[in-house]
N, C-alpha and C. Protein backbone atom coordinates (compact mmCIF):
# COMPACT_ATOMS: atom_id res chain seq x y z
N MET A 1 72.81 3.78 37.25
CA MET A 1 72.50 2.54 37.93
C MET A 1 72.66 2.70 39.44
N SER A 2 73.59 3.53 39.85
CA SER A 2 73.78 3.72 41.29
C SER A 2 72.59 4.44 41.92
N GLU A 3 71.88 5.28 41.13
CA GLU A 3 70.69 5.94 41.66
C GLU A 3 69.61 4.91 41.97
N PHE A 4 69.49 3.91 41.10
CA PHE A 4 68.48 2.87 41.32
C PHE A 4 68.78 2.09 42.59
N PHE A 5 70.06 1.72 42.79
CA PHE A 5 70.40 0.97 43.99
C PHE A 5 70.29 1.83 45.25
N GLY A 6 70.53 3.13 45.13
CA GLY A 6 70.31 4.03 46.25
C GLY A 6 68.83 4.09 46.61
N PHE A 7 67.97 4.18 45.57
CA PHE A 7 66.53 4.18 45.80
C PHE A 7 66.09 2.86 46.42
N LEU A 8 66.61 1.75 45.89
CA LEU A 8 66.24 0.43 46.40
C LEU A 8 66.65 0.28 47.86
N SER A 9 67.83 0.75 48.19
CA SER A 9 68.30 0.68 49.57
C SER A 9 67.41 1.50 50.49
N THR A 10 67.06 2.71 50.07
CA THR A 10 66.18 3.56 50.88
C THR A 10 64.80 2.92 51.02
N PHE A 11 64.28 2.36 49.93
CA PHE A 11 62.98 1.70 49.95
C PHE A 11 62.97 0.52 50.91
N LEU A 12 64.03 -0.27 50.91
CA LEU A 12 64.11 -1.42 51.81
C LEU A 12 64.23 -1.00 53.27
N TRP A 13 65.00 0.06 53.54
CA TRP A 13 65.11 0.56 54.91
C TRP A 13 63.76 1.06 55.42
N CYS A 14 63.07 1.82 54.60
CA CYS A 14 61.75 2.34 55.01
C CYS A 14 60.76 1.19 55.20
N GLY A 15 60.79 0.20 54.31
CA GLY A 15 59.91 -0.95 54.46
C GLY A 15 60.21 -1.74 55.72
N THR A 16 61.48 -1.87 56.06
CA THR A 16 61.87 -2.58 57.27
C THR A 16 61.38 -1.84 58.51
N ILE A 17 61.54 -0.54 58.54
CA ILE A 17 61.09 0.25 59.68
C ILE A 17 59.57 0.19 59.81
N LEU A 18 58.86 0.28 58.68
CA LEU A 18 57.41 0.18 58.70
C LEU A 18 56.97 -1.20 59.16
N GLY A 19 57.63 -2.23 58.70
CA GLY A 19 57.30 -3.60 59.13
C GLY A 19 57.54 -3.80 60.62
N LEU A 20 58.62 -3.24 61.14
CA LEU A 20 58.88 -3.34 62.58
C LEU A 20 57.83 -2.58 63.38
N ALA A 21 57.41 -1.42 62.88
CA ALA A 21 56.36 -0.66 63.56
C ALA A 21 55.05 -1.45 63.57
N PHE A 22 54.71 -2.11 62.46
CA PHE A 22 53.52 -2.95 62.41
C PHE A 22 53.62 -4.07 63.43
N MET A 23 54.78 -4.70 63.54
CA MET A 23 54.96 -5.80 64.48
C MET A 23 54.80 -5.33 65.92
N VAL A 24 55.31 -4.15 66.23
CA VAL A 24 55.19 -3.62 67.58
C VAL A 24 53.73 -3.36 67.92
N VAL A 25 53.01 -2.73 66.99
CA VAL A 25 51.60 -2.42 67.24
C VAL A 25 50.78 -3.70 67.33
N LEU A 26 51.06 -4.68 66.47
CA LEU A 26 50.32 -5.93 66.52
C LEU A 26 50.60 -6.74 67.78
N SER A 27 51.73 -6.51 68.42
CA SER A 27 52.05 -7.26 69.64
C SER A 27 51.38 -6.68 70.88
N MET A 28 50.79 -5.50 70.77
CA MET A 28 50.09 -4.90 71.91
C MET A 28 48.69 -5.47 71.99
N PRO A 29 48.39 -6.23 73.04
CA PRO A 29 47.09 -6.93 73.07
C PRO A 29 45.88 -6.01 73.23
N GLN A 30 46.00 -4.88 73.86
CA GLN A 30 44.86 -4.00 74.10
C GLN A 30 44.79 -2.83 73.13
N SER A 31 45.60 -2.83 72.12
CA SER A 31 45.65 -1.71 71.19
C SER A 31 44.47 -1.73 70.21
N HIS A 32 43.83 -0.57 70.06
CA HIS A 32 42.76 -0.42 69.07
C HIS A 32 43.33 -0.48 67.66
N MET A 33 44.54 -0.03 67.49
CA MET A 33 45.18 -0.03 66.17
C MET A 33 45.49 -1.45 65.69
N ARG A 34 45.48 -2.40 66.59
CA ARG A 34 45.74 -3.79 66.20
C ARG A 34 44.68 -4.26 65.21
N ASP A 35 43.41 -3.99 65.52
CA ASP A 35 42.33 -4.38 64.61
C ASP A 35 42.41 -3.62 63.30
N VAL A 36 42.76 -2.35 63.36
CA VAL A 36 42.87 -1.53 62.15
C VAL A 36 43.98 -2.06 61.26
N MET A 37 45.11 -2.39 61.85
CA MET A 37 46.24 -2.89 61.06
C MET A 37 45.93 -4.25 60.44
N LYS A 38 45.20 -5.09 61.15
CA LYS A 38 44.82 -6.38 60.57
C LYS A 38 43.97 -6.17 59.32
N LYS A 39 43.05 -5.20 59.38
CA LYS A 39 42.20 -4.92 58.23
C LYS A 39 43.00 -4.34 57.08
N VAL A 40 43.95 -3.48 57.39
CA VAL A 40 44.79 -2.89 56.35
C VAL A 40 45.67 -3.96 55.71
N LEU A 41 46.25 -4.83 56.51
CA LEU A 41 47.09 -5.90 55.97
C LEU A 41 46.27 -6.86 55.12
N PHE A 42 45.02 -7.11 55.50
CA PHE A 42 44.16 -7.95 54.68
C PHE A 42 43.87 -7.28 53.34
N ALA A 43 43.64 -5.97 53.35
CA ALA A 43 43.40 -5.23 52.11
C ALA A 43 44.63 -5.28 51.20
N VAL A 44 45.81 -5.16 51.78
CA VAL A 44 47.05 -5.23 51.00
C VAL A 44 47.23 -6.64 50.43
N ALA A 45 46.91 -7.66 51.22
CA ALA A 45 47.01 -9.04 50.73
C ALA A 45 46.04 -9.27 49.57
N CYS A 46 44.85 -8.69 49.65
CA CYS A 46 43.88 -8.81 48.55
C CYS A 46 44.42 -8.14 47.30
N PHE A 47 45.05 -6.99 47.45
CA PHE A 47 45.63 -6.31 46.30
C PHE A 47 46.70 -7.17 45.64
N PHE A 48 47.58 -7.76 46.45
CA PHE A 48 48.62 -8.61 45.88
C PHE A 48 48.05 -9.86 45.22
N TYR A 49 46.93 -10.37 45.74
CA TYR A 49 46.29 -11.52 45.10
C TYR A 49 45.75 -11.13 43.73
N ILE A 50 45.19 -9.94 43.63
CA ILE A 50 44.62 -9.49 42.37
C ILE A 50 45.70 -9.34 41.30
N VAL A 51 46.85 -8.77 41.65
CA VAL A 51 47.89 -8.52 40.66
C VAL A 51 48.80 -9.72 40.43
N SER A 52 48.70 -10.75 41.28
CA SER A 52 49.58 -11.90 41.10
C SER A 52 49.09 -12.77 39.94
N PRO A 53 50.01 -13.45 39.27
CA PRO A 53 49.59 -14.32 38.16
C PRO A 53 49.00 -15.65 38.63
N ILE A 54 49.11 -15.96 39.91
CA ILE A 54 48.58 -17.20 40.45
C ILE A 54 47.16 -16.94 40.96
N ASP A 55 46.20 -17.70 40.44
CA ASP A 55 44.80 -17.51 40.81
C ASP A 55 44.18 -18.83 41.24
N PHE A 56 43.13 -18.72 42.02
CA PHE A 56 42.34 -19.88 42.40
C PHE A 56 41.54 -20.37 41.19
N MET A 57 41.02 -19.42 40.41
CA MET A 57 40.29 -19.71 39.18
C MET A 57 41.01 -19.01 38.03
N PRO A 58 41.91 -19.70 37.31
CA PRO A 58 42.71 -19.04 36.27
C PRO A 58 41.89 -18.61 35.06
N GLU A 59 42.20 -17.42 34.56
CA GLU A 59 41.51 -16.89 33.40
C GLU A 59 41.84 -17.67 32.13
N ALA A 60 43.01 -18.25 32.08
CA ALA A 60 43.43 -19.00 30.88
C ALA A 60 42.55 -20.22 30.66
N LEU A 61 42.06 -20.82 31.72
CA LEU A 61 41.21 -22.01 31.59
C LEU A 61 39.72 -21.68 31.55
N LEU A 62 39.31 -20.67 32.30
CA LEU A 62 37.89 -20.39 32.46
C LEU A 62 37.41 -19.17 31.69
N GLY A 63 38.32 -18.48 31.02
CA GLY A 63 37.93 -17.29 30.27
C GLY A 63 37.46 -16.18 31.20
N PRO A 64 36.37 -15.50 30.84
CA PRO A 64 35.91 -14.38 31.67
C PRO A 64 35.45 -14.80 33.06
N PHE A 65 35.05 -16.07 33.24
CA PHE A 65 34.64 -16.52 34.56
C PHE A 65 35.81 -16.63 35.53
N GLY A 66 37.02 -16.57 35.02
CA GLY A 66 38.20 -16.60 35.87
C GLY A 66 38.40 -15.33 36.66
N PHE A 67 37.68 -14.28 36.28
CA PHE A 67 37.80 -13.01 37.01
C PHE A 67 36.92 -12.95 38.25
N VAL A 68 36.11 -13.98 38.48
CA VAL A 68 35.20 -13.97 39.63
C VAL A 68 35.99 -13.90 40.93
N ASP A 69 37.06 -14.68 41.06
CA ASP A 69 37.84 -14.64 42.30
C ASP A 69 38.57 -13.31 42.45
N ASP A 70 39.02 -12.72 41.34
CA ASP A 70 39.68 -11.42 41.42
C ASP A 70 38.69 -10.33 41.85
N ILE A 71 37.48 -10.40 41.32
CA ILE A 71 36.46 -9.42 41.72
C ILE A 71 36.11 -9.60 43.20
N GLY A 72 36.03 -10.85 43.65
CA GLY A 72 35.77 -11.11 45.07
C GLY A 72 36.87 -10.58 45.95
N ALA A 73 38.12 -10.74 45.53
CA ALA A 73 39.24 -10.22 46.30
C ALA A 73 39.23 -8.69 46.30
N LEU A 74 38.85 -8.10 45.17
CA LEU A 74 38.76 -6.64 45.10
C LEU A 74 37.69 -6.11 46.04
N VAL A 75 36.52 -6.73 46.04
CA VAL A 75 35.44 -6.30 46.93
C VAL A 75 35.85 -6.49 48.39
N ALA A 76 36.44 -7.63 48.72
CA ALA A 76 36.87 -7.89 50.10
C ALA A 76 37.94 -6.90 50.55
N GLY A 77 38.87 -6.58 49.66
CA GLY A 77 39.93 -5.63 50.01
C GLY A 77 39.40 -4.23 50.20
N VAL A 78 38.50 -3.80 49.32
CA VAL A 78 37.92 -2.45 49.46
C VAL A 78 37.09 -2.35 50.73
N MET A 79 36.29 -3.37 51.02
CA MET A 79 35.47 -3.35 52.24
C MET A 79 36.34 -3.37 53.49
N SER A 80 37.43 -4.12 53.45
CA SER A 80 38.33 -4.17 54.60
C SER A 80 39.03 -2.84 54.81
N ALA A 81 39.49 -2.23 53.72
CA ALA A 81 40.14 -0.92 53.84
C ALA A 81 39.15 0.14 54.31
N LYS A 82 37.93 0.10 53.79
CA LYS A 82 36.90 1.05 54.21
C LYS A 82 36.59 0.89 55.70
N SER A 83 36.48 -0.35 56.14
CA SER A 83 36.21 -0.62 57.55
C SER A 83 37.38 -0.16 58.43
N ALA A 84 38.61 -0.35 57.94
CA ALA A 84 39.78 0.08 58.71
C ALA A 84 39.82 1.59 58.86
N PHE A 85 39.53 2.30 57.78
CA PHE A 85 39.59 3.76 57.85
C PHE A 85 38.45 4.34 58.67
N HIS A 86 37.29 3.68 58.67
CA HIS A 86 36.17 4.16 59.49
C HIS A 86 36.41 3.87 60.97
N SER A 87 37.02 2.75 61.29
CA SER A 87 37.25 2.42 62.70
C SER A 87 38.48 3.16 63.24
N ALA A 88 39.35 3.65 62.38
CA ALA A 88 40.52 4.39 62.85
C ALA A 88 40.14 5.81 63.27
N ALA A 89 39.06 6.31 62.74
CA ALA A 89 38.65 7.69 63.03
C ALA A 89 37.97 7.81 64.37
């Protein structure tokens, strides 16, 4: 059990450092990476929307048509990530 809490502690420290680095880059008004990070964060938000149980169109009520919003989020996230990686190069 102590290995799990050691991993969790390390994971949280790394996430905090990464979050602070994102905040520093996003605060730079003339940075090219600012636009790239916005696109990456949007792609990550789309991923979390897809895996979350809360949906705009729930599958439990609409059946297969409930996946329309998830597919839209998937397409938007992939396009945003693709655009971020192309503009970063």
